[in-house]
Amino acid sequence: MHKSTIVQLVQLLEEDGHAVRTGNISALEPILEQKSELLITLESSPNKYTDIAIIRAKAARNEALLAAAIRGVKTARNRLLELERVKSELRVYGKDGSLQQTKGHSSALERKA
């Protein structure tokens, strides 16, 4: 049973990594619950160093994937905020060479007769 638990945990770690790589964030919660249950089972039994090393390596890889995904989301969010800011204001240089801000135009179409 112990080996089966390790195999199941390794499989879940693979699924976890795949979910992060494919952007299937909704799949992470059920995987987390299953991993937690398996880890509790593993804590109560003797473990080989090699088994723990495999699990640790896969968990570290998934941690790096999650960190990269978080950085990507933050970067995208910041870029969208910057585009929204640019859309709402216009910066121009005045006659004296100083940077001045003016209000941007609405994105609605204007009809001129």
PDB file of N, CA and C in Angstrom:
ATOM      1  N   MET A   1       0.821  -1.205   0.000  1.00  0.00           N
ATOM      2  CA  MET A   1       0.000   0.000   0.000  1.00  0.00           C
ATOM      3  C   MET A   1       0.858   1.259   0.000  1.00  0.00           C
ATOM      4  N   HIS A   2       1.995   1.201   0.685  1.00  0.00           N
ATOM      5  CA  HIS A   2       2.857   2.372   0.774  1.00  0.00           C
ATOM      6  C   HIS A   2       3.359   2.797  -0.608  1.00  0.00           C
ATOM      7  N   LYS A   3       3.806   1.844  -1.404  1.00  0.00           N
ATOM      8  CA  LYS A   3       4.300   2.159  -2.740  1.00  0.00           C
ATOM      9  C   LYS A   3       3.175   2.741  -3.603  1.00  0.00           C
ATOM     10  N   SER A   4       1.992   2.209  -3.432  1.00  0.00           N
ATOM     11  CA  SER A   4       0.835   2.711  -4.169  1.00  0.00           C
ATOM     12  C   SER A   4       0.563   4.177  -3.826  1.00  0.00           C
ATOM     13  N   THR A   5       0.722   4.532  -2.558  1.00  0.00           N
ATOM     14  CA  THR A   5       0.518   5.915  -2.126  1.00  0.00           C
ATOM     15  C   THR A   5       1.531   6.836  -2.790  1.00  0.00           C
ATOM     16  N   ILE A   6       2.766   6.399  -2.868  1.00  0.00           N
ATOM     17  CA  ILE A   6       3.809   7.204  -3.504  1.00  0.00           C
ATOM     18  C   ILE A   6       3.523   7.357  -4.996  1.00  0.00           C
ATOM     19  N   VAL A   7       3.134   6.294  -5.639  1.00  0.00           N
ATOM     20  CA  VAL A   7       2.803   6.353  -7.067  1.00  0.00           C
ATOM     21  C   VAL A   7       1.626   7.304  -7.299  1.00  0.00           C
ATOM     22  N   GLN A   8       0.632   7.222  -6.446  1.00  0.00           N
ATOM     23  CA  GLN A   8      -0.525   8.123  -6.572  1.00  0.00           C
ATOM     24  C   GLN A   8      -0.111   9.577  -6.386  1.00  0.00           C
ATOM     25  N   LEU A   9       0.753   9.826  -5.418  1.00  0.00           N
ATOM     26  CA  LEU A   9       1.200  11.195  -5.158  1.00  0.00           C
ATOM     27  C   LEU A   9       2.019  11.733  -6.328  1.00  0.00           C
ATOM     28  N   VAL A  10       2.901  10.910  -6.860  1.00  0.00           N
ATOM     29  CA  VAL A  10       3.692  11.327  -8.022  1.00  0.00           C
ATOM     30  C   VAL A  10       2.767  11.634  -9.200  1.00  0.00           C
ATOM     31  N   GLN A  11       1.757  10.795  -9.404  1.00  0.00           N
ATOM     32  CA  GLN A  11       0.790  11.029 -10.486  1.00  0.00           C
ATOM     33  C   GLN A  11       0.038  12.349 -10.273  1.00  0.00           C
ATOM     34  N   LEU A  12      -0.354  12.609  -9.038  1.00  0.00           N
ATOM     35  CA  LEU A  12      -1.050  13.872  -8.745  1.00  0.00           C
ATOM     36  C   LEU A  12      -0.139  15.076  -8.965  1.00  0.00           C
ATOM     37  N   LEU A  13       1.127  14.939  -8.626  1.00  0.00           N
ATOM     38  CA  LEU A  13       2.074  16.031  -8.859  1.00  0.00           C
ATOM     39  C   LEU A  13       2.238  16.286 -10.362  1.00  0.00           C
ATOM     40  N   GLU A  14       2.215  15.211 -11.150  1.00  0.00           N
ATOM     41  CA  GLU A  14       2.257  15.370 -12.611  1.00  0.00           C
ATOM     42  C   GLU A  14       1.009  16.095 -13.107  1.00  0.00           C
ATOM     43  N   GLU A  15      -0.146  15.698 -12.602  1.00  0.00           N
ATOM     44  CA  GLU A  15      -1.415  16.345 -12.993  1.00  0.00           C
ATOM     45  C   GLU A  15      -1.412  17.810 -12.565  1.00  0.00           C
ATOM     46  N   ASP A  16      -0.872  18.066 -11.401  1.00  0.00           N
ATOM     47  CA  ASP A  16      -0.763  19.424 -10.870  1.00  0.00           C
ATOM     48  C   ASP A  16       0.058  20.297 -11.817  1.00  0.00           C
ATOM     49  N   GLY A  17       1.226  19.800 -12.208  1.00  0.00           N
ATOM     50  CA  GLY A  17       2.082  20.539 -13.133  1.00  0.00           C
ATOM     51  C   GLY A  17       1.418  20.755 -14.481  1.00  0.00           C
ATOM     52  N   HIS A  18       0.739  19.739 -14.976  1.00  0.00           N
ATOM     53  CA  HIS A  18       0.042  19.854 -16.260  1.00  0.00           C
ATOM     54  C   HIS A  18      -1.061  20.910 -16.180  1.00  0.00           C
ATOM     55  N   ALA A  19      -1.786  20.923 -15.078  1.00  0.00           N
ATOM     56  CA  ALA A  19      -2.856  21.907 -14.909  1.00  0.00           C
ATOM     57  C   ALA A  19      -2.306  23.328 -14.924  1.00  0.00           C
ATOM     58  N   VAL A  20      -1.172  23.546 -14.287  1.00  0.00           N
ATOM     59  CA  VAL A  20      -0.570  24.884 -14.269  1.00  0.00           C
ATOM     60  C   VAL A  20      -0.076  25.249 -15.669  1.00  0.00           C
ATOM     61  N   ARG A  21       0.600  24.305 -16.337  1.00  0.00           N
ATOM     62  CA  ARG A  21       1.135  24.589 -17.673  1.00  0.00           C
ATOM     63  C   ARG A  21       0.037  24.887 -18.678  1.00  0.00           C
ATOM     64  N   THR A  22      -1.121  24.252 -18.541  1.00  0.00           N
ATOM     65  CA  THR A  22      -2.215  24.463 -19.501  1.00  0.00           C
ATOM     66  C   THR A  22      -3.193  25.540 -19.054  1.00  0.00           C
ATOM     67  N   GLY A  23      -2.964  26.115 -17.876  1.00  0.00           N
ATOM     68  CA  GLY A  23      -3.840  27.181 -17.398  1.00  0.00           C
ATOM     69  C   GLY A  23      -5.146  26.684 -16.811  1.00  0.00           C
ATOM     70  N   ASN A  24      -5.231  25.411 -16.489  1.00  0.00           N
ATOM     71  CA  ASN A  24      -6.446  24.836 -15.921  1.00  0.00           C
ATOM     72  C   ASN A  24      -6.422  24.997 -14.398  1.00  0.00           C
ATOM     73  N   ILE A  25      -6.544  26.227 -13.956  1.00  0.00           N
ATOM     74  CA  ILE A  25      -6.415  26.552 -12.540  1.00  0.00           C
ATOM     75  C   ILE A  25      -7.524  25.911 -11.712  1.00  0.00           C
ATOM     76  N   SER A  26      -8.696  25.726 -12.286  1.00  0.00           N
ATOM     77  CA  SER A  26      -9.809  25.138 -11.536  1.00  0.00           C
ATOM     78  C   SER A  26      -9.529  23.684 -11.142  1.00  0.00           C
ATOM     79  N   ALA A  27      -8.611  23.033 -11.833  1.00  0.00           N
ATOM     80  CA  ALA A  27      -8.279  21.640 -11.504  1.00  0.00           C
ATOM     81  C   ALA A  27      -7.361  21.537 -10.287  1.00  0.00           C
ATOM     82  N   LEU A  28      -6.776  22.648  -9.877  1.00  0.00           N
ATOM     83  CA  LEU A  28      -5.791  22.597  -8.793  1.00  0.00           C
ATOM     84  C   LEU A  28      -6.405  22.296  -7.421  1.00  0.00           C
ATOM     85  N   GLU A  29      -7.589  22.802  -7.151  1.00  0.00           N
ATOM     86  CA  GLU A  29      -8.193  22.606  -5.832  1.00  0.00           C
ATOM     87  C   GLU A  29      -8.467  21.134  -5.520  1.00  0.00           C
ATOM     88  N   PRO A  30      -9.122  20.391  -6.417  1.00  0.00           N
ATOM     89  CA  PRO A  30      -9.329  18.970  -6.099  1.00  0.00           C
ATOM     90  C   PRO A  30      -8.012  18.191  -5.989  1.00  0.00           C
ATOM     91  N   ILE A  31      -7.034  18.564  -6.811  1.00  0.00           N
ATOM     92  CA  ILE A  31      -5.730  17.898  -6.730  1.00  0.00           C
ATOM     93  C   ILE A  31      -5.089  18.179  -5.386  1.00  0.00           C
ATOM     94  N   LEU A  32      -5.205  19.416  -4.916  1.00  0.00           N
ATOM     95  CA  LEU A  32      -4.640  19.782  -3.618  1.00  0.00           C
ATOM     96  C   LEU A  32      -5.252  18.950  -2.493  1.00  0.00           C
ATOM     97  N   GLU A  33      -6.544  18.768  -2.531  1.00  0.00           N
ATOM     98  CA  GLU A  33      -7.211  17.968  -1.497  1.00  0.00           C
ATOM     99  C   GLU A  33      -6.710  16.530  -1.512  1.00  0.00           C
ATOM    100  N   GLN A  34      -6.571  15.961  -2.709  1.00  0.00           N
ATOM    101  CA  GLN A  34      -6.084  14.588  -2.821  1.00  0.00           C
ATOM    102  C   GLN A  34      -4.635  14.474  -2.363  1.00  0.00           C
ATOM    103  N   LYS A  35      -3.811  15.462  -2.734  1.00  0.00           N
ATOM    104  CA  LYS A  35      -2.405  15.447  -2.306  1.00  0.00           C
ATOM    105  C   LYS A  35      -2.305  15.514  -0.785  1.00  0.00           C
ATOM    106  N   SER A  36      -3.135  16.344  -0.174  1.00  0.00           N
ATOM    107  CA  SER A  36      -3.119  16.480   1.286  1.00  0.00           C
ATOM    108  C   SER A  36      -3.425  15.145   1.963  1.00  0.00           C
ATOM    109  N   GLU A  37      -4.436  14.445   1.458  1.00  0.00           N
ATOM    110  CA  GLU A  37      -4.792  13.147   2.019  1.00  0.00           C
ATOM    111  C   GLU A  37      -3.646  12.146   1.878  1.00  0.00           C
ATOM    112  N   LEU A  38      -3.013  12.122   0.712  1.00  0.00           N
ATOM    113  CA  LEU A  38      -1.912  11.190   0.490  1.00  0.00           C
ATOM    114  C   LEU A  38      -0.702  11.531   1.357  1.00  0.00           C
ATOM    115  N   LEU A  39      -0.442  12.815   1.543  1.00  0.00           N
ATOM    116  CA  LEU A  39       0.687  13.216   2.387  1.00  0.00           C
ATOM    117  C   LEU A  39       0.467  12.813   3.840  1.00  0.00           C
ATOM    118  N   ILE A  40      -0.762  12.898   4.295  1.00  0.00           N
ATOM    119  CA  ILE A  40      -1.069  12.446   5.663  1.00  0.00           C
ATOM    120  C   ILE A  40      -0.799  10.952   5.785  1.00  0.00           C
ATOM    121  N   THR A  41      -1.184  10.197   4.772  1.00  0.00           N
ATOM    122  CA  THR A  41      -0.926   8.757   4.761  1.00  0.00           C
ATOM    123  C   THR A  41       0.573   8.475   4.758  1.00  0.00           C
ATOM    124  N   LEU A  42       1.327   9.225   3.960  1.00  0.00           N
ATOM    125  CA  LEU A  42       2.771   9.014   3.888  1.00  0.00           C
ATOM    126  C   LEU A  42       3.478   9.347   5.197  1.00  0.00           C
ATOM    127  N   GLU A  43       2.999  10.353   5.899  1.00  0.00           N
ATOM    128  CA  GLU A  43       3.629  10.746   7.168  1.00  0.00           C
ATOM    129  C   GLU A  43       3.599   9.624   8.192  1.00  0.00           C
ATOM    130  N   SER A  44       2.590   8.780   8.127  1.00  0.00           N
ATOM    131  CA  SER A  44       2.437   7.732   9.133  1.00  0.00           C
ATOM    132  C   SER A  44       3.158   6.442   8.753  1.00  0.00           C
ATOM    133  N   SER A  45       3.931   6.450   7.682  1.00  0.00           N
ATOM    134  CA  SER A  45       4.636   5.235   7.277  1.00  0.00           C
ATOM    135  C   SER A  45       6.105   5.544   7.004  1.00  0.00           C
ATOM    136  N   PRO A  46       6.956   4.512   7.102  1.00  0.00           N
ATOM    137  CA  PRO A  46       8.378   4.740   6.798  1.00  0.00           C
ATOM    138  C   PRO A  46       8.553   5.034   5.308  1.00  0.00           C
ATOM    139  N   ASN A  47       9.488   5.897   4.998  1.00  0.00           N
ATOM    140  CA  ASN A  47       9.692   6.313   3.614  1.00  0.00           C
ATOM    141  C   ASN A  47      11.148   6.148   3.219  1.00  0.00           C
ATOM    142  N   LYS A  48      11.363   5.797   1.962  1.00  0.00           N
ATOM    143  CA  LYS A  48      12.714   5.715   1.422  1.00  0.00           C
ATOM    144  C   LYS A  48      13.154   7.108   1.006  1.00  0.00           C
ATOM    145  N   TYR A  49      14.434   7.356   1.141  1.00  0.00           N
ATOM    146  CA  TYR A  49      14.985   8.647   0.752  1.00  0.00           C
ATOM    147  C   TYR A  49      14.731   8.918  -0.733  1.00  0.00           C
ATOM    148  N   THR A  50      14.868   7.894  -1.574  1.00  0.00           N
ATOM    149  CA  THR A  50      14.683   8.100  -3.016  1.00  0.00           C
ATOM    150  C   THR A  50      13.246   8.494  -3.348  1.00  0.00           C
ATOM    151  N   ASP A  51      12.284   7.894  -2.642  1.00  0.00           N
ATOM    152  CA  ASP A  51      10.880   8.258  -2.875  1.00  0.00           C
ATOM    153  C   ASP A  51      10.630   9.707  -2.495  1.00  0.00           C
ATOM    154  N   ILE A  52      11.154  10.094  -1.349  1.00  0.00           N
ATOM    155  CA  ILE A  52      10.982  11.482  -0.886  1.00  0.00           C
ATOM    156  C   ILE A  52      11.690  12.455  -1.831  1.00  0.00           C
ATOM    157  N   ALA A  53      12.855  12.064  -2.341  1.00  0.00           N
ATOM    158  CA  ALA A  53      13.588  12.935  -3.267  1.00  0.00           C
ATOM    159  C   ALA A  53      12.797  13.154  -4.554  1.00  0.00           C
ATOM    160  N   ILE A  54      12.157  12.112  -5.051  1.00  0.00           N
ATOM    161  CA  ILE A  54      11.345  12.242  -6.270  1.00  0.00           C
ATOM    162  C   ILE A  54      10.168  13.184  -6.021  1.00  0.00           C
ATOM    163  N   ILE A  55       9.499  12.975  -4.899  1.00  0.00           N
ATOM    164  CA  ILE A  55       8.350  13.820  -4.558  1.00  0.00           C
ATOM    165  C   ILE A  55       8.796  15.272  -4.376  1.00  0.00           C
ATOM    166  N   ARG A  56       9.908  15.474  -3.691  1.00  0.00           N
ATOM    167  CA  ARG A  56      10.422  16.831  -3.455  1.00  0.00           C
ATOM    168  C   ARG A  56      10.780  17.517  -4.773  1.00  0.00           C
ATOM    169  N   ALA A  57      11.398  16.792  -5.701  1.00  0.00           N
ATOM    170  CA  ALA A  57      11.784  17.375  -6.991  1.00  0.00           C
ATOM    171  C   ALA A  57      10.546  17.785  -7.799  1.00  0.00           C
ATOM    172  N   LYS A  58       9.552  16.930  -7.816  1.00  0.00           N
ATOM    173  CA  LYS A  58       8.327  17.253  -8.560  1.00  0.00           C
ATOM    174  C   LYS A  58       7.585  18.426  -7.912  1.00  0.00           C
ATOM    175  N   ALA A  59       7.560  18.459  -6.602  1.00  0.00           N
ATOM    176  CA  ALA A  59       6.904  19.566  -5.901  1.00  0.00           C
ATOM    177  C   ALA A  59       7.656  20.877  -6.156  1.00  0.00           C
ATOM    178  N   ALA A  60       8.980  20.824  -6.179  1.00  0.00           N
ATOM    179  CA  ALA A  60       9.775  22.027  -6.451  1.00  0.00           C
ATOM    180  C   ALA A  60       9.533  22.521  -7.875  1.00  0.00           C
ATOM    181  N   ARG A  61       9.436  21.587  -8.813  1.00  0.00           N
ATOM    182  CA  ARG A  61       9.146  21.967 -10.201  1.00  0.00           C
ATOM    183  C   ARG A  61       7.782  22.657 -10.291  1.00  0.00           C
ATOM    184  N   ASN A  62       6.787  22.090  -9.615  1.00  0.00           N
ATOM    185  CA  ASN A  62       5.450  22.688  -9.631  1.00  0.00           C
ATOM    186  C   ASN A  62       5.448  24.048  -8.958  1.00  0.00           C
ATOM    187  N   GLU A  63       6.225  24.197  -7.910  1.00  0.00           N
ATOM    188  CA  GLU A  63       6.329  25.493  -7.236  1.00  0.00           C
ATOM    189  C   GLU A  63       6.896  26.541  -8.198  1.00  0.00           C
ATOM    190  N   ALA A  64       7.912  26.154  -8.960  1.00  0.00           N
ATOM    191  CA  ALA A  64       8.492  27.078  -9.943  1.00  0.00           C
ATOM    192  C   ALA A  64       7.486  27.421 -11.038  1.00  0.00           C
ATOM    193  N   LEU A  65       6.702  26.431 -11.474  1.00  0.00           N
ATOM    194  CA  LEU A  65       5.667  26.687 -12.478  1.00  0.00           C
ATOM    195  C   LEU A  65       4.616  27.665 -11.957  1.00  0.00           C
ATOM    196  N   LEU A  66       4.193  27.450 -10.716  1.00  0.00           N
ATOM    197  CA  LEU A  66       3.203  28.356 -10.122  1.00  0.00           C
ATOM    198  C   LEU A  66       3.758  29.768  -9.972  1.00  0.00           C
ATOM    199  N   ALA A  67       5.017  29.873  -9.553  1.00  0.00           N
ATOM    200  CA  ALA A  67       5.631  31.189  -9.406  1.00  0.00           C
ATOM    201  C   ALA A  67       5.700  31.905 -10.754  1.00  0.00           C
ATOM    202  N   ALA A  68       6.048  31.168 -11.801  1.00  0.00           N
ATOM    203  CA  ALA A  68       6.102  31.762 -13.140  1.00  0.00           C
ATOM    204  C   ALA A  68       4.707  32.186 -13.605  1.00  0.00           C
ATOM    205  N   ALA A  69       3.707  31.371 -13.315  1.00  0.00           N
ATOM    206  CA  ALA A  69       2.332  31.725 -13.690  1.00  0.00           C
ATOM    207  C   ALA A  69       1.879  32.985 -12.958  1.00  0.00           C
ATOM    208  N   ILE A  70       2.208  33.080 -11.696  1.00  0.00           N
ATOM    209  CA  ILE A  70       1.846  34.268 -10.916  1.00  0.00           C
ATOM    210  C   ILE A  70       2.539  35.504 -11.470  1.00  0.00           C
ATOM    211  N   ARG A  71       3.830  35.372 -11.794  1.00  0.00           N
ATOM    212  CA  ARG A  71       4.552  36.508 -12.384  1.00  0.00           C
ATOM    213  C   ARG A  71       3.909  36.921 -13.709  1.00  0.00           C
ATOM    214  N   GLY A  72       3.516  35.946 -14.511  1.00  0.00           N
ATOM    215  CA  GLY A  72       2.879  36.248 -15.789  1.00  0.00           C
ATOM    216  C   GLY A  72       1.560  36.971 -15.624  1.00  0.00           C
ATOM    217  N   VAL A  73       0.761  36.537 -14.666  1.00  0.00           N
ATOM    218  CA  VAL A  73      -0.524  37.193 -14.408  1.00  0.00           C
ATOM    219  C   VAL A  73      -0.294  38.623 -13.917  1.00  0.00           C
ATOM    220  N   LYS A  74       0.668  38.803 -13.026  1.00  0.00           N
ATOM    221  CA  LYS A  74       0.958  40.156 -12.526  1.00  0.00           C
ATOM    222  C   LYS A  74       1.453  41.064 -13.650  1.00  0.00           C
ATOM    223  N   THR A  75       2.299  40.525 -14.515  1.00  0.00           N
ATOM    224  CA  THR A  75       2.807  41.317 -15.638  1.00  0.00           C
ATOM    225  C   THR A  75       1.675  41.709 -16.579  1.00  0.00           C
ATOM    226  N   ALA A  76       0.804  40.762 -16.883  1.00  0.00           N
ATOM    227  CA  ALA A  76      -0.332  41.054 -17.758  1.00  0.00           C
ATOM    228  C   ALA A  76      -1.259  42.086 -17.120  1.00  0.00           C
ATOM    229  N   ARG A  77      -1.490  41.936 -15.824  1.00  0.00           N
ATOM    230  CA  ARG A  77      -2.350  42.893 -15.110  1.00  0.00           C
ATOM    231  C   ARG A  77      -1.752  44.295 -15.163  1.00  0.00           C
ATOM    232  N   ASN A  78      -0.451  44.394 -14.893  1.00  0.00           N
ATOM    233  CA  ASN A  78       0.212  45.700 -14.925  1.00  0.00           C
ATOM    234  C   ASN A  78       0.160  46.313 -16.322  1.00  0.00           C
ATOM    235  N   ARG A  79       0.318  45.472 -17.336  1.00  0.00           N
ATOM    236  CA  ARG A  79       0.259  45.973 -18.708  1.00  0.00           C
ATOM    237  C   ARG A  79      -1.136  46.485 -19.043  1.00  0.00           C
ATOM    238  N   LEU A  80      -2.153  45.752 -18.631  1.00  0.00           N
ATOM    239  CA  LEU A  80      -3.528  46.209 -18.869  1.00  0.00           C
ATOM    240  C   LEU A  80      -3.814  47.517 -18.132  1.00  0.00           C
ATOM    241  N   LEU A  81      -3.328  47.636 -16.903  1.00  0.00           N
ATOM    242  CA  LEU A  81      -3.512  48.886 -16.158  1.00  0.00           C
ATOM    243  C   LEU A  81      -2.799  50.046 -16.847  1.00  0.00           C
ATOM    244  N   GLU A  82      -1.608  49.784 -17.370  1.00  0.00           N
ATOM    245  CA  GLU A  82      -0.859  50.825 -18.070  1.00  0.00           C
ATOM    246  C   GLU A  82      -1.588  51.237 -19.349  1.00  0.00           C
ATOM    247  N   LEU A  83      -2.120  50.279 -20.076  1.00  0.00           N
ATOM    248  CA  LEU A  83      -2.881  50.612 -21.291  1.00  0.00           C
ATOM    249  C   LEU A  83      -4.134  51.410 -20.954  1.00  0.00           C
ATOM    250  N   GLU A  84      -4.783  51.074 -19.870  1.00  0.00           N
ATOM    251  CA  GLU A  84      -5.963  51.823 -19.439  1.00  0.00           C
ATOM    252  C   GLU A  84      -5.585  53.255 -19.058  1.00  0.00           C
ATOM    253  N   ARG A  85      -4.435  53.387 -18.392  1.00  0.00           N
ATOM    254  CA  ARG A  85      -3.973  54.721 -18.003  1.00  0.00           C
ATOM    255  C   ARG A  85      -3.644  55.540 -19.247  1.00  0.00           C
ATOM    256  N   VAL A  86      -2.975  54.944 -20.209  1.00  0.00           N
ATOM    257  CA  VAL A  86      -2.614  55.647 -21.443  1.00  0.00           C
ATOM    258  C   VAL A  86      -3.880  56.066 -22.192  1.00  0.00           C
ATOM    259  N   LYS A  87      -4.874  55.200 -22.166  1.00  0.00           N
ATOM    260  CA  LYS A  87      -6.131  55.500 -22.847  1.00  0.00           C
ATOM    261  C   LYS A  87      -6.838  56.701 -22.210  1.00  0.00           C
ATOM    262  N   SER A  88      -6.702  56.857 -20.907  1.00  0.00           N
ATOM    263  CA  SER A  88      -7.440  57.909 -20.212  1.00  0.00           C
ATOM    264  C   SER A  88      -6.692  59.239 -20.120  1.00  0.00           C
ATOM    265  N   GLU A  89      -5.408  59.247 -20.439  1.00  0.00           N
ATOM    266  CA  GLU A  89      -4.676  60.518 -20.382  1.00  0.00           C
ATOM    267  C   GLU A  89      -3.634  60.568 -21.480  1.00  0.00           C
ATOM    268  N   LEU A  90      -3.277  61.762 -21.847  1.00  0.00           N
ATOM    269  CA  LEU A  90      -2.304  61.967 -22.898  1.00  0.00           C
ATOM    270  C   LEU A  90      -1.186  62.833 -22.328  1.00  0.00           C
ATOM    271  N   ARG A  91       0.033  62.412 -22.518  1.00  0.00           N
ATOM    272  CA  ARG A  91       1.168  63.219 -22.072  1.00  0.00           C
ATOM    273  C   ARG A  91       1.811  63.869 -23.291  1.00  0.00           C
ATOM    274  N   VAL A  92       2.030  65.161 -23.178  1.00  0.00           N
ATOM    275  CA  VAL A  92       2.660  65.910 -24.263  1.00  0.00           C
ATOM    276  C   VAL A  92       3.706  66.837 -23.664  1.00  0.00           C
ATOM    277  N   TYR A  93       4.619  67.281 -24.507  1.00  0.00           N
ATOM    278  CA  TYR A  93       5.611  68.247 -24.066  1.00  0.00           C
ATOM    279  C   TYR A  93       5.112  69.649 -24.380  1.00  0.00           C
ATOM    280  N   GLY A  94       5.211  70.529 -23.395  1.00  0.00           N
ATOM    281  CA  GLY A  94       4.798  71.914 -23.579  1.00  0.00           C
ATOM    282  C   GLY A  94       5.867  72.717 -24.294  1.00  0.00           C
ATOM    283  N   LYS A  95       5.555  73.989 -24.520  1.00  0.00           N
ATOM    284  CA  LYS A  95       6.493  74.871 -25.211  1.00  0.00           C
ATOM    285  C   LYS A  95       7.801  75.013 -24.448  1.00  0.00           C
ATOM    286  N   ASP A  96       7.720  74.916 -23.126  1.00  0.00           N
ATOM    287  CA  ASP A  96       8.931  75.045 -22.317  1.00  0.00           C
ATOM    288  C   ASP A  96       9.684  73.718 -22.163  1.00  0.00           C
ATOM    289  N   GLY A  97       9.189  72.644 -22.794  1.00  0.00           N
ATOM    290  CA  GLY A  97       9.869  71.355 -22.760  1.00  0.00           C
ATOM    291  C   GLY A  97       9.476  70.460 -21.600  1.00  0.00           C
ATOM    292  N   SER A  98       8.564  70.944 -20.756  1.00  0.00           N
ATOM    293  CA  SER A  98       8.138  70.126 -19.614  1.00  0.00           C
ATOM    294  C   SER A  98       7.023  69.168 -20.033  1.00  0.00           C
ATOM    295  N   LEU A  99       6.945  68.057 -19.347  1.00  0.00           N
ATOM    296  CA  LEU A  99       5.927  67.054 -19.636  1.00  0.00           C
ATOM    297  C   LEU A  99       4.610  67.496 -19.003  1.00  0.00           C
ATOM    298  N   GLN A 100       3.559  67.505 -19.796  1.00  0.00           N
ATOM    299  CA  GLN A 100       2.249  67.910 -19.313  1.00  0.00           C
ATOM    300  C   GLN A 100       1.255  66.799 -19.590  1.00  0.00           C
ATOM    301  N   GLN A 101       0.275  66.675 -18.718  1.00  0.00           N
ATOM    302  CA  GLN A 101      -0.758  65.655 -18.895  1.00  0.00           C
ATOM    303  C   GLN A 101      -2.064  66.327 -19.279  1.00  0.00           C
ATOM    304  N   THR A 102      -2.725  65.735 -20.230  1.00  0.00           N
ATOM    305  CA  THR A 102      -4.048  66.208 -20.619  1.00  0.00           C
ATOM    306  C   THR A 102      -4.992  65.025 -20.547  1.00  0.00           C
ATOM    307  N   LYS A 103      -6.250  65.309 -20.421  1.00  0.00           N
ATOM    308  CA  LYS A 103      -7.240  64.236 -20.381  1.00  0.00           C
ATOM    309  C   LYS A 103      -7.394  63.646 -21.772  1.00  0.00           C
ATOM    310  N   GLY A 104      -7.497  62.348 -21.836  1.00  0.00           N
ATOM    311  CA  GLY A 104      -7.677  61.655 -23.120  1.00  0.00           C
ATOM    312  C   GLY A 104      -9.103  61.739 -23.584  1.00  0.00           C
ATOM    313  N   HIS A 105      -9.317  61.338 -24.792  1.00  0.00           N
ATOM    314  CA  HIS A 105     -10.659  61.328 -25.350  1.00  0.00           C
ATOM    315  C   HIS A 105     -11.343  60.018 -25.008  1.00  0.00           C
ATOM    316  N   SER A 106     -12.649  60.065 -24.993  1.00  0.00           N
ATOM    317  CA  SER A 106     -13.446  58.861 -24.788  1.00  0.00           C
ATOM    318  C   SER A 106     -13.260  57.950 -25.995  1.00  0.00           C
ATOM    319  N   SER A 107     -13.373  56.669 -25.765  1.00  0.00           N
ATOM    320  CA  SER A 107     -13.214  55.731 -26.875  1.00  0.00           C
ATOM    321  C   SER A 107     -14.469  55.650 -27.745  1.00  0.00           C
ATOM    322  N   ALA A 108     -15.530  56.363 -27.354  1.00  0.00           N
ATOM    323  CA  ALA A 108     -16.770  56.368 -28.145  1.00  0.00           C
ATOM    324  C   ALA A 108     -16.534  57.138 -29.429  1.00  0.00           C
ATOM    325  N   LEU A 109     -17.210  56.721 -30.480  1.00  0.00           N
ATOM    326  CA  LEU A 109     -17.091  57.420 -31.749  1.00  0.00           C
ATOM    327  C   LEU A 109     -17.822  58.735 -31.705  1.00  0.00           C
ATOM    328  N   GLU A 110     -17.225  59.717 -32.335  1.00  0.00           N
ATOM    329  CA  GLU A 110     -17.862  61.031 -32.416  1.00  0.00           C
ATOM    330  C   GLU A 110     -18.267  61.257 -33.865  1.00  0.00           C
ATOM    331  N   ARG A 111     -19.463  61.745 -34.053  1.00  0.00           N
ATOM    332  CA  ARG A 111     -19.928  62.052 -35.409  1.00  0.00           C
ATOM    333  C   ARG A 111     -19.964  63.561 -35.562  1.00  0.00           C
ATOM    334  N   LYS A 112     -19.314  64.024 -36.609  1.00  0.00           N
ATOM    335  CA  LYS A 112     -19.304  65.455 -36.898  1.00  0.00           C
ATOM    336  C   LYS A 112     -20.115  65.689 -38.163  1.00  0.00           C
ATOM    337  N   ALA A 113     -20.973  66.689 -38.094  1.00  0.00           N
ATOM    338  CA  ALA A 113     -21.829  66.989 -39.245  1.00  0.00           C
ATOM    339  C   ALA A 113     -21.154  67.869 -40.231  1.00  0.00           C
TER     340      ALA A 113
END
